[in-house]
PDB file of N, CA and C in Angstrom:
ATOM      1  N   MET A   1      34.298 -84.927 -13.224  1.00  0.00           N
ATOM      2  CA  MET A   1      34.498 -83.980 -12.283  1.00  0.00           C
ATOM      3  C   MET A   1      35.670 -82.773 -12.732  1.00  0.00           C
ATOM      4  N   PRO A   2      35.072 -81.595 -12.736  1.00  0.00           N
ATOM      5  CA  PRO A   2      36.007 -80.535 -12.895  1.00  0.00           C
ATOM      6  C   PRO A   2      37.398 -80.143 -12.258  1.00  0.00           C
ATOM      7  N   LYS A   3      38.465 -79.525 -13.359  1.00  0.00           N
ATOM      8  CA  LYS A   3      39.352 -79.529 -12.613  1.00  0.00           C
ATOM      9  C   LYS A   3      39.682 -77.893 -11.388  1.00  0.00           C
ATOM     10  N   PHE A   4      39.871 -77.559 -10.583  1.00  0.00           N
ATOM     11  CA  PHE A   4      39.619 -76.552  -9.510  1.00  0.00           C
ATOM     12  C   PHE A   4      40.971 -75.842  -9.822  1.00  0.00           C
ATOM     13  N   SER A   5      40.696 -74.836 -10.319  1.00  0.00           N
ATOM     14  CA  SER A   5      41.987 -74.018  -9.350  1.00  0.00           C
ATOM     15  C   SER A   5      42.154 -74.773  -8.030  1.00  0.00           C
ATOM     16  N   LYS A   6      44.131 -73.730  -8.247  1.00  0.00           N
ATOM     17  CA  LYS A   6      44.420 -74.357  -6.241  1.00  0.00           C
ATOM     18  C   LYS A   6      44.853 -72.714  -5.671  1.00  0.00           C
ATOM     19  N   ILE A   7      44.552 -73.190  -4.877  1.00  0.00           N
ATOM     20  CA  ILE A   7      44.798 -71.529  -3.723  1.00  0.00           C
ATOM     21  C   ILE A   7      45.818 -72.839  -2.296  1.00  0.00           C
ATOM     22  N   VAL A   8      47.243 -71.755  -2.266  1.00  0.00           N
ATOM     23  CA  VAL A   8      48.274 -72.348  -1.094  1.00  0.00           C
ATOM     24  C   VAL A   8      47.889 -71.676  -0.259  1.00  0.00           C
ATOM     25  N   GLY A   9      47.186 -70.799   0.585  1.00  0.00           N
ATOM     26  CA  GLY A   9      47.151 -70.330   1.565  1.00  0.00           C
ATOM     27  C   GLY A   9      48.246 -69.042   1.676  1.00  0.00           C
ATOM     28  N   GLU A  10      49.325 -68.782   0.625  1.00  0.00           N
ATOM     29  CA  GLU A  10      49.740 -67.261   0.991  1.00  0.00           C
ATOM     30  C   GLU A  10      49.314 -66.042   1.362  1.00  0.00           C
ATOM     31  N   LEU A  11      50.316 -64.828   1.462  1.00  0.00           N
ATOM     32  CA  LEU A  11      49.280 -63.877   2.276  1.00  0.00           C
ATOM     33  C   LEU A  11      48.505 -63.284   0.167  1.00  0.00           C
ATOM     34  N   LYS A  12      49.842 -63.468  -0.546  1.00  0.00           N
ATOM     35  CA  LYS A  12      49.305 -62.585  -2.159  1.00  0.00           C
ATOM     36  C   LYS A  12      48.153 -63.075  -2.454  1.00  0.00           C
ATOM     37  N   GLU A  13      47.389 -64.614  -2.380  1.00  0.00           N
ATOM     38  CA  GLU A  13      46.613 -64.592  -2.958  1.00  0.00           C
ATOM     39  C   GLU A  13      45.519 -64.166  -2.397  1.00  0.00           C
ATOM     40  N   SER A  14      43.507 -63.905  -3.045  1.00  0.00           N
ATOM     41  CA  SER A  14      42.481 -63.895  -2.737  1.00  0.00           C
ATOM     42  C   SER A  14      41.898 -64.686  -2.265  1.00  0.00           C
ATOM     43  N   ASN A  15      41.635 -64.571  -1.361  1.00  0.00           N
ATOM     44  CA  ASN A  15      40.451 -65.866  -1.117  1.00  0.00           C
ATOM     45  C   ASN A  15      39.351 -65.851  -1.441  1.00  0.00           C
ATOM     46  N   VAL A  16      38.601 -64.358  -1.559  1.00  0.00           N
ATOM     47  CA  VAL A  16      37.177 -63.924  -2.494  1.00  0.00           C
ATOM     48  C   VAL A  16      37.725 -64.859  -3.646  1.00  0.00           C
ATOM     49  N   GLU A  17      38.692 -64.084  -4.663  1.00  0.00           N
ATOM     50  CA  GLU A  17      39.128 -64.381  -5.973  1.00  0.00           C
ATOM     51  C   GLU A  17      39.005 -65.879  -5.987  1.00  0.00           C
ATOM     52  N   HIS A  18      39.609 -66.927  -5.072  1.00  0.00           N
ATOM     53  CA  HIS A  18      39.771 -68.142  -5.270  1.00  0.00           C
ATOM     54  C   HIS A  18      38.245 -68.459  -4.953  1.00  0.00           C
ATOM     55  N   LEU A  19      37.201 -68.362  -4.341  1.00  0.00           N
ATOM     56  CA  LEU A  19      36.418 -68.576  -3.815  1.00  0.00           C
ATOM     57  C   LEU A  19      35.329 -68.204  -5.753  1.00  0.00           C
ATOM     58  N   ALA A  20      35.810 -67.335  -6.549  1.00  0.00           N
ATOM     59  CA  ALA A  20      34.782 -66.860  -6.875  1.00  0.00           C
ATOM     60  C   ALA A  20      35.425 -68.020  -8.105  1.00  0.00           C
ATOM     61  N   HIS A  21      36.657 -68.207  -8.952  1.00  0.00           N
ATOM     62  CA  HIS A  21      36.866 -68.853  -9.549  1.00  0.00           C
ATOM     63  C   HIS A  21      36.452 -70.246  -9.201  1.00  0.00           C
ATOM     64  N   PHE A  22      36.901 -70.773  -8.203  1.00  0.00           N
ATOM     65  CA  PHE A  22      35.700 -71.853  -8.088  1.00  0.00           C
ATOM     66  C   PHE A  22      34.328 -72.397  -8.547  1.00  0.00           C
ATOM     67  N   GLN A  23      33.489 -71.281  -8.024  1.00  0.00           N
ATOM     68  CA  GLN A  23      31.956 -71.330  -7.962  1.00  0.00           C
ATOM     69  C   GLN A  23      32.113 -71.635  -9.550  1.00  0.00           C
ATOM     70  N   ILE A  24      33.006 -70.991 -10.459  1.00  0.00           N
ATOM     71  CA  ILE A  24      32.421 -70.394 -11.526  1.00  0.00           C
ATOM     72  C   ILE A  24      33.435 -72.191 -12.479  1.00  0.00           C
ATOM     73  N   GLU A  25      33.727 -72.382 -12.004  1.00  0.00           N
ATOM     74  CA  GLU A  25      34.684 -73.772 -11.677  1.00  0.00           C
ATOM     75  C   GLU A  25      33.706 -75.513 -11.838  1.00  0.00           C
ATOM     76  N   CYS A  26      32.859 -75.009 -10.592  1.00  0.00           N
ATOM     77  CA  CYS A  26      31.969 -75.854 -10.619  1.00  0.00           C
ATOM     78  C   CYS A  26      31.123 -75.633 -11.589  1.00  0.00           C
ATOM     79  N   GLY A  27      30.955 -74.948 -12.008  1.00  0.00           N
ATOM     80  CA  GLY A  27      29.735 -74.843 -13.414  1.00  0.00           C
ATOM     81  C   GLY A  27      28.183 -75.367 -11.867  1.00  0.00           C
ATOM     82  N   ASN A  28      27.356 -76.087 -12.874  1.00  0.00           N
ATOM     83  CA  ASN A  28      26.442 -76.729 -12.144  1.00  0.00           C
ATOM     84  C   ASN A  28      26.286 -77.495 -10.922  1.00  0.00           C
ATOM     85  N   LEU A  29      27.597 -77.514 -10.536  1.00  0.00           N
ATOM     86  CA  LEU A  29      27.121 -78.197  -8.626  1.00  0.00           C
ATOM     87  C   LEU A  29      27.259 -77.196  -7.837  1.00  0.00           C
ATOM     88  N   THR A  30      27.086 -76.064  -8.398  1.00  0.00           N
ATOM     89  CA  THR A  30      26.972 -75.216  -7.153  1.00  0.00           C
ATOM     90  C   THR A  30      25.572 -74.877  -7.125  1.00  0.00           C
ATOM     91  N   ILE A  31      24.951 -75.813  -7.756  1.00  0.00           N
ATOM     92  CA  ILE A  31      23.052 -75.778  -7.465  1.00  0.00           C
ATOM     93  C   ILE A  31      22.457 -77.203  -6.096  1.00  0.00           C
ATOM     94  N   ASP A  32      23.716 -77.763  -5.773  1.00  0.00           N
ATOM     95  CA  ASP A  32      23.687 -78.621  -4.671  1.00  0.00           C
ATOM     96  C   ASP A  32      25.223 -78.256  -3.941  1.00  0.00           C
ATOM     97  N   LYS A  33      24.245 -77.953  -2.901  1.00  0.00           N
ATOM     98  CA  LYS A  33      25.823 -77.336  -2.100  1.00  0.00           C
ATOM     99  C   LYS A  33      26.451 -78.550  -0.790  1.00  0.00           C
ATOM    100  N   PHE A  34      26.207 -80.045  -0.361  1.00  0.00           N
ATOM    101  CA  PHE A  34      26.727 -80.446  -0.411  1.00  0.00           C
ATOM    102  C   PHE A  34      27.635 -80.946  -1.403  1.00  0.00           C
ATOM    103  N   LEU A  35      27.776 -80.999  -2.573  1.00  0.00           N
ATOM    104  CA  LEU A  35      28.465 -81.682  -3.520  1.00  0.00           C
ATOM    105  C   LEU A  35      29.604 -80.210  -3.571  1.00  0.00           C
ATOM    106  N   LYS A  36      29.202 -78.995  -3.425  1.00  0.00           N
ATOM    107  CA  LYS A  36      29.755 -78.286  -3.618  1.00  0.00           C
ATOM    108  C   LYS A  36      31.300 -77.609  -2.369  1.00  0.00           C
ATOM    109  N   MET A  37      30.878 -78.166  -1.227  1.00  0.00           N
ATOM    110  CA  MET A  37      30.965 -78.858  -0.093  1.00  0.00           C
ATOM    111  C   MET A  37      32.628 -79.904  -0.092  1.00  0.00           C
ATOM    112  N   LYS A  38      31.976 -80.783  -0.657  1.00  0.00           N
ATOM    113  CA  LYS A  38      32.462 -81.843  -0.808  1.00  0.00           C
ATOM    114  C   LYS A  38      33.764 -81.813  -1.819  1.00  0.00           C
ATOM    115  N   TYR A  39      33.801 -81.225  -2.965  1.00  0.00           N
ATOM    116  CA  TYR A  39      34.924 -80.545  -4.286  1.00  0.00           C
ATOM    117  C   TYR A  39      35.718 -79.649  -3.709  1.00  0.00           C
ATOM    118  N   PHE A  40      35.007 -78.584  -2.481  1.00  0.00           N
ATOM    119  CA  PHE A  40      35.714 -77.706  -2.179  1.00  0.00           C
ATOM    120  C   PHE A  40      37.054 -77.873  -1.644  1.00  0.00           C
ATOM    121  N   LEU A  41      37.455 -79.203  -1.049  1.00  0.00           N
ATOM    122  CA  LEU A  41      38.705 -79.362  -0.668  1.00  0.00           C
ATOM    123  C   LEU A  41      39.447 -79.927  -1.975  1.00  0.00           C
ATOM    124  N   SER A  42      39.061 -79.671  -3.115  1.00  0.00           N
ATOM    125  CA  SER A  42      39.631 -80.257  -4.344  1.00  0.00           C
ATOM    126  C   SER A  42      40.623 -78.492  -4.825  1.00  0.00           C
ATOM    127  N   SER A  43      39.988 -78.049  -4.107  1.00  0.00           N
ATOM    128  CA  SER A  43      41.023 -76.702  -4.792  1.00  0.00           C
ATOM    129  C   SER A  43      41.707 -75.853  -4.000  1.00  0.00           C
ATOM    130  N   LEU A  44      41.923 -76.680  -2.648  1.00  0.00           N
ATOM    131  CA  LEU A  44      42.981 -76.549  -1.759  1.00  0.00           C
ATOM    132  C   LEU A  44      44.341 -77.547  -1.810  1.00  0.00           C
ATOM    133  N   THR A  45      45.619 -76.746  -1.292  1.00  0.00           N
ATOM    134  CA  THR A  45      46.591 -77.640  -1.828  1.00  0.00           C
ATOM    135  C   THR A  45      47.498 -76.578  -0.110  1.00  0.00           C
ATOM    136  N   LYS A  46      48.565 -77.627   0.329  1.00  0.00           N
ATOM    137  CA  LYS A  46      49.408 -77.120   0.807  1.00  0.00           C
ATOM    138  C   LYS A  46      49.564 -76.763   2.006  1.00  0.00           C
ATOM    139  N   ASN A  47      49.373 -74.750   2.522  1.00  0.00           N
ATOM    140  CA  ASN A  47      49.117 -74.378   3.694  1.00  0.00           C
ATOM    141  C   ASN A  47      47.727 -74.533   4.448  1.00  0.00           C
ATOM    142  N   VAL A  48      46.998 -73.893   3.291  1.00  0.00           N
ATOM    143  CA  VAL A  48      45.543 -74.095   3.409  1.00  0.00           C
ATOM    144  C   VAL A  48      45.002 -75.580   3.620  1.00  0.00           C
ATOM    145  N   PHE A  49      45.222 -76.572   2.648  1.00  0.00           N
ATOM    146  CA  PHE A  49      44.624 -77.561   2.714  1.00  0.00           C
ATOM    147  C   PHE A  49      44.866 -78.066   3.947  1.00  0.00           C
ATOM    148  N   THR A  50      46.281 -78.377   4.678  1.00  0.00           N
ATOM    149  CA  THR A  50      46.745 -78.307   5.838  1.00  0.00           C
ATOM    150  C   THR A  50      45.503 -77.918   6.885  1.00  0.00           C
ATOM    151  N   TRP A  51      45.234 -76.178   6.430  1.00  0.00           N
ATOM    152  CA  TRP A  51      44.301 -75.890   7.674  1.00  0.00           C
ATOM    153  C   TRP A  51      43.494 -76.446   7.785  1.00  0.00           C
ATOM    154  N   PHE A  52      43.050 -76.210   6.462  1.00  0.00           N
ATOM    155  CA  PHE A  52      41.143 -76.197   6.326  1.00  0.00           C
ATOM    156  C   PHE A  52      41.168 -78.628   7.035  1.00  0.00           C
ATOM    157  N   THR A  53      42.092 -79.240   6.590  1.00  0.00           N
ATOM    158  CA  THR A  53      41.987 -80.691   6.873  1.00  0.00           C
ATOM    159  C   THR A  53      42.038 -80.893   8.741  1.00  0.00           C
ATOM    160  N   THR A  54      42.751 -79.495   9.531  1.00  0.00           N
ATOM    161  CA  THR A  54      42.270 -79.867  11.057  1.00  0.00           C
ATOM    162  C   THR A  54      41.162 -79.346  11.405  1.00  0.00           C
ATOM    163  N   LEU A  55      40.189 -78.403  11.239  1.00  0.00           N
ATOM    164  CA  LEU A  55      39.488 -78.049  11.721  1.00  0.00           C
ATOM    165  C   LEU A  55      38.493 -79.116  12.167  1.00  0.00           C
ATOM    166  N   PRO A  56      38.050 -79.152  13.142  1.00  0.00           N
ATOM    167  CA  PRO A  56      37.600 -79.500  14.084  1.00  0.00           C
ATOM    168  C   PRO A  56      36.349 -80.533  13.678  1.00  0.00           C
ATOM    169  N   PRO A  57      36.070 -81.534  13.400  1.00  0.00           N
ATOM    170  CA  PRO A  57      35.041 -82.023  13.205  1.00  0.00           C
ATOM    171  C   PRO A  57      33.441 -81.472  13.375  1.00  0.00           C
ATOM    172  N   ILE A  58      32.715 -80.767  11.693  1.00  0.00           N
ATOM    173  CA  ILE A  58      31.432 -80.711  12.273  1.00  0.00           C
ATOM    174  C   ILE A  58      31.720 -79.079  13.006  1.00  0.00           C
ATOM    175  N   SER A  59      32.462 -78.336  12.525  1.00  0.00           N
ATOM    176  CA  SER A  59      32.925 -76.756  12.395  1.00  0.00           C
ATOM    177  C   SER A  59      32.500 -75.533  11.324  1.00  0.00           C
ATOM    178  N   ILE A  60      32.084 -76.853  10.210  1.00  0.00           N
ATOM    179  CA  ILE A  60      31.017 -75.945   9.097  1.00  0.00           C
ATOM    180  C   ILE A  60      29.983 -76.583   8.973  1.00  0.00           C
ATOM    181  N   TYR A  61      29.066 -75.928   8.977  1.00  0.00           N
ATOM    182  CA  TYR A  61      27.721 -75.827   9.037  1.00  0.00           C
ATOM    183  C   TYR A  61      26.805 -75.628   7.052  1.00  0.00           C
ATOM    184  N   THR A  62      27.207 -74.777   6.882  1.00  0.00           N
ATOM    185  CA  THR A  62      26.319 -73.980   5.511  1.00  0.00           C
ATOM    186  C   THR A  62      27.751 -73.464   4.611  1.00  0.00           C
ATOM    187  N   TRP A  63      27.739 -73.610   3.539  1.00  0.00           N
ATOM    188  CA  TRP A  63      28.334 -73.170   2.537  1.00  0.00           C
ATOM    189  C   TRP A  63      28.953 -71.547   2.445  1.00  0.00           C
ATOM    190  N   ALA A  64      27.744 -71.196   2.924  1.00  0.00           N
ATOM    191  CA  ALA A  64      27.566 -69.570   3.008  1.00  0.00           C
ATOM    192  C   ALA A  64      28.664 -69.140   4.479  1.00  0.00           C
TER     193      ALA A  64
END
């Protein structure tokens, strides 16, 4: 499993930049959208991890 850059969820951090880094770090995992979603949680920490884990179940349907 690749090591992912972490995003905390502070205002100075760029979500777009984080997603770009994540997709690069995924390498061949980006082909499988389900694996990409599964491993995305590994790139989150602190505030943004808490936000993501408190989303209602099945509230994200696709990677897009």
